[in-house]
Amino acid sequence: MDFMKRFLYRRGVNVLLSGLVMLALLGFLAGCKTPPNADDESDIPWNAPQPWEGSPMIPGLNER
């Protein structure tokens, strides 16, 4: 009888832990952001350099 109690207790703990892991996984999946609509995108890439972002010419670099 003692063996049966230990078996049922372990099984209950395993079921509880498995349920908690499943709930955590579902929570992570439900928290993911959905991709933006194609209407929100522009034709210009977001990382295109602006004209004022260029580095100035270093003096004497081209005079070799």
PDB file of N, CA and C in Angstrom:
ATOM      1  N   MET A   1       0.822  -1.197   0.000  1.00  0.00           N
ATOM      2  CA  MET A   1       0.000   0.000   0.000  1.00  0.00           C
ATOM      3  C   MET A   1       0.866   1.262   0.000  1.00  0.00           C
ATOM      4  N   ASP A   2       1.982   1.205   0.715  1.00  0.00           N
ATOM      5  CA  ASP A   2       2.881   2.355   0.777  1.00  0.00           C
ATOM      6  C   ASP A   2       3.445   2.670  -0.613  1.00  0.00           C
ATOM      7  N   PHE A   3       3.733   1.619  -1.383  1.00  0.00           N
ATOM      8  CA  PHE A   3       4.240   1.802  -2.745  1.00  0.00           C
ATOM      9  C   PHE A   3       3.219   2.529  -3.615  1.00  0.00           C
ATOM     10  N   MET A   4       1.959   2.175  -3.483  1.00  0.00           N
ATOM     11  CA  MET A   4       0.900   2.789  -4.288  1.00  0.00           C
ATOM     12  C   MET A   4       0.755   4.273  -3.954  1.00  0.00           C
ATOM     13  N   LYS A   5       0.852   4.637  -2.681  1.00  0.00           N
ATOM     14  CA  LYS A   5       0.751   6.047  -2.288  1.00  0.00           C
ATOM     15  C   LYS A   5       1.898   6.858  -2.887  1.00  0.00           C
ATOM     16  N   ARG A   6       3.117   6.294  -2.817  1.00  0.00           N
ATOM     17  CA  ARG A   6       4.267   6.994  -3.396  1.00  0.00           C
ATOM     18  C   ARG A   6       4.126   7.137  -4.904  1.00  0.00           C
ATOM     19  N   PHE A   7       3.636   6.100  -5.559  1.00  0.00           N
ATOM     20  CA  PHE A   7       3.450   6.144  -7.013  1.00  0.00           C
ATOM     21  C   PHE A   7       2.444   7.223  -7.404  1.00  0.00           C
ATOM     22  N   LEU A   8       1.313   7.261  -6.699  1.00  0.00           N
ATOM     23  CA  LEU A   8       0.291   8.258  -7.008  1.00  0.00           C
ATOM     24  C   LEU A   8       0.782   9.668  -6.700  1.00  0.00           C
ATOM     25  N   TYR A   9       1.567   9.843  -5.630  1.00  0.00           N
ATOM     26  CA  TYR A   9       2.097  11.158  -5.286  1.00  0.00           C
ATOM     27  C   TYR A   9       3.061  11.640  -6.374  1.00  0.00           C
ATOM     28  N   ARG A  10       3.952  10.745  -6.798  1.00  0.00           N
ATOM     29  CA  ARG A  10       4.903  11.115  -7.856  1.00  0.00           C
ATOM     30  C   ARG A  10       4.178  11.428  -9.159  1.00  0.00           C
ATOM     31  N   ARG A  11       3.164  10.660  -9.451  1.00  0.00           N
ATOM     32  CA  ARG A  11       2.406  10.894 -10.681  1.00  0.00           C
ATOM     33  C   ARG A  11       1.710  12.251 -10.621  1.00  0.00           C
ATOM     34  N   GLY A  12       1.166  12.596  -9.469  1.00  0.00           N
ATOM     35  CA  GLY A  12       0.508  13.885  -9.310  1.00  0.00           C
ATOM     36  C   GLY A  12       1.483  15.041  -9.469  1.00  0.00           C
ATOM     37  N   VAL A  13       2.685  14.885  -8.926  1.00  0.00           N
ATOM     38  CA  VAL A  13       3.707  15.926  -9.060  1.00  0.00           C
ATOM     39  C   VAL A  13       4.122  16.058 -10.521  1.00  0.00           C
ATOM     40  N   ASN A  14       4.289  14.936 -11.201  1.00  0.00           N
ATOM     41  CA  ASN A  14       4.672  14.979 -12.613  1.00  0.00           C
ATOM     42  C   ASN A  14       3.593  15.643 -13.464  1.00  0.00           C
ATOM     43  N   VAL A  15       2.344  15.336 -13.185  1.00  0.00           N
ATOM     44  CA  VAL A  15       1.242  15.950 -13.930  1.00  0.00           C
ATOM     45  C   VAL A  15       1.202  17.447 -13.659  1.00  0.00           C
ATOM     46  N   LEU A  16       1.411  17.839 -12.418  1.00  0.00           N
ATOM     47  CA  LEU A  16       1.403  19.254 -12.054  1.00  0.00           C
ATOM     48  C   LEU A  16       2.542  20.006 -12.740  1.00  0.00           C
ATOM     49  N   LEU A  17       3.734  19.447 -12.695  1.00  0.00           N
ATOM     50  CA  LEU A  17       4.875  20.097 -13.341  1.00  0.00           C
ATOM     51  C   LEU A  17       4.704  20.158 -14.856  1.00  0.00           C
ATOM     52  N   SER A  18       4.186  19.099 -15.443  1.00  0.00           N
ATOM     53  CA  SER A  18       3.944  19.102 -16.889  1.00  0.00           C
ATOM     54  C   SER A  18       2.916  20.164 -17.265  1.00  0.00           C
ATOM     55  N   GLY A  19       1.890  20.296 -16.460  1.00  0.00           N
ATOM     56  CA  GLY A  19       0.879  21.319 -16.718  1.00  0.00           C
ATOM     57  C   GLY A  19       1.448  22.724 -16.606  1.00  0.00           C
ATOM     58  N   LEU A  20       2.298  22.957 -15.613  1.00  0.00           N
ATOM     59  CA  LEU A  20       2.920  24.275 -15.464  1.00  0.00           C
ATOM     60  C   LEU A  20       3.838  24.602 -16.641  1.00  0.00           C
ATOM     61  N   VAL A  21       4.578  23.614 -17.113  1.00  0.00           N
ATOM     62  CA  VAL A  21       5.452  23.830 -18.274  1.00  0.00           C
ATOM     63  C   VAL A  21       4.619  24.136 -19.511  1.00  0.00           C
ATOM     64  N   MET A  22       3.529  23.416 -19.695  1.00  0.00           N
ATOM     65  CA  MET A  22       2.655  23.673 -20.850  1.00  0.00           C
ATOM     66  C   MET A  22       2.044  25.069 -20.781  1.00  0.00           C
ATOM     67  N   LEU A  23       1.613  25.498 -19.596  1.00  0.00           N
ATOM     68  CA  LEU A  23       1.058  26.842 -19.443  1.00  0.00           C
ATOM     69  C   LEU A  23       2.108  27.910 -19.734  1.00  0.00           C
ATOM     70  N   ALA A  24       3.335  27.683 -19.299  1.00  0.00           N
ATOM     71  CA  ALA A  24       4.406  28.641 -19.570  1.00  0.00           C
ATOM     72  C   ALA A  24       4.677  28.734 -21.068  1.00  0.00           C
ATOM     73  N   LEU A  25       4.717  27.599 -21.750  1.00  0.00           N
ATOM     74  CA  LEU A  25       4.937  27.613 -23.202  1.00  0.00           C
ATOM     75  C   LEU A  25       3.803  28.323 -23.931  1.00  0.00           C
ATOM     76  N   LEU A  26       2.583  28.064 -23.525  1.00  0.00           N
ATOM     77  CA  LEU A  26       1.447  28.742 -24.148  1.00  0.00           C
ATOM     78  C   LEU A  26       1.490  30.243 -23.881  1.00  0.00           C
ATOM     79  N   GLY A  27       1.925  30.630 -22.704  1.00  0.00           N
ATOM     80  CA  GLY A  27       2.058  32.049 -22.391  1.00  0.00           C
ATOM     81  C   GLY A  27       3.102  32.726 -23.255  1.00  0.00           C
ATOM     82  N   PHE A  28       4.227  32.055 -23.486  1.00  0.00           N
ATOM     83  CA  PHE A  28       5.258  32.622 -24.355  1.00  0.00           C
ATOM     84  C   PHE A  28       4.767  32.731 -25.791  1.00  0.00           C
ATOM     85  N   LEU A  29       4.038  31.733 -26.257  1.00  0.00           N
ATOM     86  CA  LEU A  29       3.536  31.772 -27.632  1.00  0.00           C
ATOM     87  C   LEU A  29       2.461  32.837 -27.808  1.00  0.00           C
ATOM     88  N   ALA A  30       1.646  33.028 -26.806  1.00  0.00           N
ATOM     89  CA  ALA A  30       0.577  34.018 -26.904  1.00  0.00           C
ATOM     90  C   ALA A  30       1.121  35.434 -26.815  1.00  0.00           C
ATOM     91  N   GLY A  31       2.298  35.608 -26.247  1.00  0.00           N
ATOM     92  CA  GLY A  31       2.868  36.934 -26.088  1.00  0.00           C
ATOM     93  C   GLY A  31       3.668  37.406 -27.283  1.00  0.00           C
ATOM     94  N   CYS A  32       3.747  36.629 -28.345  1.00  0.00           N
ATOM     95  CA  CYS A  32       4.536  37.033 -29.504  1.00  0.00           C
ATOM     96  C   CYS A  32       3.834  38.142 -30.278  1.00  0.00           C
ATOM     97  N   LYS A  33       4.626  39.039 -30.832  1.00  0.00           N
ATOM     98  CA  LYS A  33       4.081  40.150 -31.605  1.00  0.00           C
ATOM     99  C   LYS A  33       3.755  39.666 -33.015  1.00  0.00           C
ATOM    100  N   THR A  34       2.652  40.140 -33.544  1.00  0.00           N
ATOM    101  CA  THR A  34       2.283  39.783 -34.907  1.00  0.00           C
ATOM    102  C   THR A  34       3.032  40.681 -35.881  1.00  0.00           C
ATOM    103  N   PRO A  35       3.310  40.204 -37.086  1.00  0.00           N
ATOM    104  CA  PRO A  35       4.036  41.029 -38.056  1.00  0.00           C
ATOM    105  C   PRO A  35       3.194  42.222 -38.504  1.00  0.00           C
ATOM    106  N   PRO A  36       3.845  43.333 -38.855  1.00  0.00           N
ATOM    107  CA  PRO A  36       3.091  44.518 -39.286  1.00  0.00           C
ATOM    108  C   PRO A  36       2.453  44.314 -40.661  1.00  0.00           C
ATOM    109  N   ASN A  37       1.473  45.134 -40.952  1.00  0.00           N
ATOM    110  CA  ASN A  37       0.815  45.069 -42.254  1.00  0.00           C
ATOM    111  C   ASN A  37       1.750  45.568 -43.348  1.00  0.00           C
ATOM    112  N   ALA A  38       1.545  45.105 -44.564  1.00  0.00           N
ATOM    113  CA  ALA A  38       2.364  45.543 -45.691  1.00  0.00           C
ATOM    114  C   ALA A  38       2.073  47.000 -46.041  1.00  0.00           C
ATOM    115  N   ASP A  39       0.910  47.520 -45.644  1.00  0.00           N
ATOM    116  CA  ASP A  39       0.566  48.910 -45.941  1.00  0.00           C
ATOM    117  C   ASP A  39       1.433  49.888 -45.160  1.00  0.00           C
ATOM    118  N   ASP A  40       1.968  49.458 -44.025  1.00  0.00           N
ATOM    119  CA  ASP A  40       2.766  50.337 -43.184  1.00  0.00           C
ATOM    120  C   ASP A  40       4.198  50.505 -43.689  1.00  0.00           C
ATOM    121  N   GLU A  41       4.618  49.706 -44.644  1.00  0.00           N
ATOM    122  CA  GLU A  41       6.000  49.743 -45.113  1.00  0.00           C
ATOM    123  C   GLU A  41       6.158  50.753 -46.243  1.00  0.00           C
ATOM    124  N   SER A  42       7.331  51.386 -46.279  1.00  0.00           N
ATOM    125  CA  SER A  42       7.626  52.333 -47.354  1.00  0.00           C
ATOM    126  C   SER A  42       8.651  51.717 -48.303  1.00  0.00           C
ATOM    127  N   ASP A  43       8.863  52.371 -49.442  1.00  0.00           N
ATOM    128  CA  ASP A  43       9.823  51.879 -50.425  1.00  0.00           C
ATOM    129  C   ASP A  43      11.262  52.217 -50.035  1.00  0.00           C
ATOM    130  N   ILE A  44      11.447  53.209 -49.177  1.00  0.00           N
ATOM    131  CA  ILE A  44      12.787  53.622 -48.770  1.00  0.00           C
ATOM    132  C   ILE A  44      13.223  52.744 -47.597  1.00  0.00           C
ATOM    133  N   PRO A  45      14.411  52.151 -47.670  1.00  0.00           N
ATOM    134  CA  PRO A  45      14.862  51.338 -46.541  1.00  0.00           C
ATOM    135  C   PRO A  45      15.105  52.202 -45.309  1.00  0.00           C
ATOM    136  N   TRP A  46      14.882  51.637 -44.144  1.00  0.00           N
ATOM    137  CA  TRP A  46      14.996  52.408 -42.905  1.00  0.00           C
ATOM    138  C   TRP A  46      16.426  52.815 -42.609  1.00  0.00           C
ATOM    139  N   ASN A  47      17.399  52.090 -43.154  1.00  0.00           N
ATOM    140  CA  ASN A  47      18.790  52.394 -42.842  1.00  0.00           C
ATOM    141  C   ASN A  47      19.503  53.137 -43.971  1.00  0.00           C
ATOM    142  N   ALA A  48      18.770  53.786 -44.867  1.00  0.00           N
ATOM    143  CA  ALA A  48      19.405  54.561 -45.938  1.00  0.00           C
ATOM    144  C   ALA A  48      20.080  55.790 -45.331  1.00  0.00           C
ATOM    145  N   PRO A  49      21.362  56.043 -45.635  1.00  0.00           N
ATOM    146  CA  PRO A  49      22.047  57.200 -45.049  1.00  0.00           C
ATOM    147  C   PRO A  49      21.491  58.510 -45.588  1.00  0.00           C
ATOM    148  N   GLN A  50      21.400  59.476 -44.709  1.00  0.00           N
ATOM    149  CA  GLN A  50      20.948  60.809 -45.082  1.00  0.00           C
ATOM    150  C   GLN A  50      22.123  61.586 -45.681  1.00  0.00           C
ATOM    151  N   PRO A  51      21.856  62.612 -46.497  1.00  0.00           N
ATOM    152  CA  PRO A  51      22.953  63.379 -47.110  1.00  0.00           C
ATOM    153  C   PRO A  51      23.871  64.026 -46.072  1.00  0.00           C
ATOM    154  N   TRP A  52      23.358  64.416 -44.931  1.00  0.00           N
ATOM    155  CA  TRP A  52      24.173  65.084 -43.928  1.00  0.00           C
ATOM    156  C   TRP A  52      24.957  64.117 -43.050  1.00  0.00           C
ATOM    157  N   GLU A  53      24.767  62.795 -43.246  1.00  0.00           N
ATOM    158  CA  GLU A  53      25.433  61.809 -42.402  1.00  0.00           C
ATOM    159  C   GLU A  53      26.806  61.392 -42.911  1.00  0.00           C
ATOM    160  N   GLY A  54      27.204  61.811 -44.100  1.00  0.00           N
ATOM    161  CA  GLY A  54      28.490  61.396 -44.648  1.00  0.00           C
ATOM    162  C   GLY A  54      29.651  61.989 -43.874  1.00  0.00           C
ATOM    163  N   SER A  55      30.780  61.282 -43.851  1.00  0.00           N
ATOM    164  CA  SER A  55      31.953  61.812 -43.157  1.00  0.00           C
ATOM    165  C   SER A  55      32.686  62.773 -44.093  1.00  0.00           C
ATOM    166  N   PRO A  56      33.230  63.862 -43.566  1.00  0.00           N
ATOM    167  CA  PRO A  56      33.961  64.810 -44.415  1.00  0.00           C
ATOM    168  C   PRO A  56      35.270  64.195 -44.897  1.00  0.00           C
ATOM    169  N   MET A  57      35.784  64.708 -45.982  1.00  0.00           N
ATOM    170  CA  MET A  57      37.031  64.205 -46.555  1.00  0.00           C
ATOM    171  C   MET A  57      38.190  64.525 -45.611  1.00  0.00           C
ATOM    172  N   ILE A  58      39.049  63.570 -45.378  1.00  0.00           N
ATOM    173  CA  ILE A  58      40.209  63.779 -44.520  1.00  0.00           C
ATOM    174  C   ILE A  58      41.276  64.496 -45.342  1.00  0.00           C
ATOM    175  N   PRO A  59      41.806  65.626 -44.863  1.00  0.00           N
ATOM    176  CA  PRO A  59      42.804  66.373 -45.633  1.00  0.00           C
ATOM    177  C   PRO A  59      44.073  65.555 -45.848  1.00  0.00           C
ATOM    178  N   GLY A  60      44.573  65.580 -47.071  1.00  0.00           N
ATOM    179  CA  GLY A  60      45.816  64.903 -47.402  1.00  0.00           C
ATOM    180  C   GLY A  60      45.676  63.420 -47.676  1.00  0.00           C
ATOM    181  N   LEU A  61      44.493  62.863 -47.609  1.00  0.00           N
ATOM    182  CA  LEU A  61      44.328  61.425 -47.821  1.00  0.00           C
ATOM    183  C   LEU A  61      44.481  61.067 -49.298  1.00  0.00           C
ATOM    184  N   ASN A  62      44.010  61.916 -50.203  1.00  0.00           N
ATOM    185  CA  ASN A  62      44.080  61.615 -51.636  1.00  0.00           C
ATOM    186  C   ASN A  62      45.390  62.072 -52.268  1.00  0.00           C
ATOM    187  N   GLU A  63      46.254  62.751 -51.551  1.00  0.00           N
ATOM    188  CA  GLU A  63      47.491  63.296 -52.117  1.00  0.00           C
ATOM    189  C   GLU A  63      48.662  62.370 -51.862  1.00  0.00           C
ATOM    190  N   ARG A  64      48.634  61.188 -52.329  1.00  0.00           N
ATOM    191  CA  ARG A  64      49.752  60.254 -52.139  1.00  0.00           C
ATOM    192  C   ARG A  64      50.542  60.128 -53.368  1.00  0.00           C
TER     193      ARG A  64
END
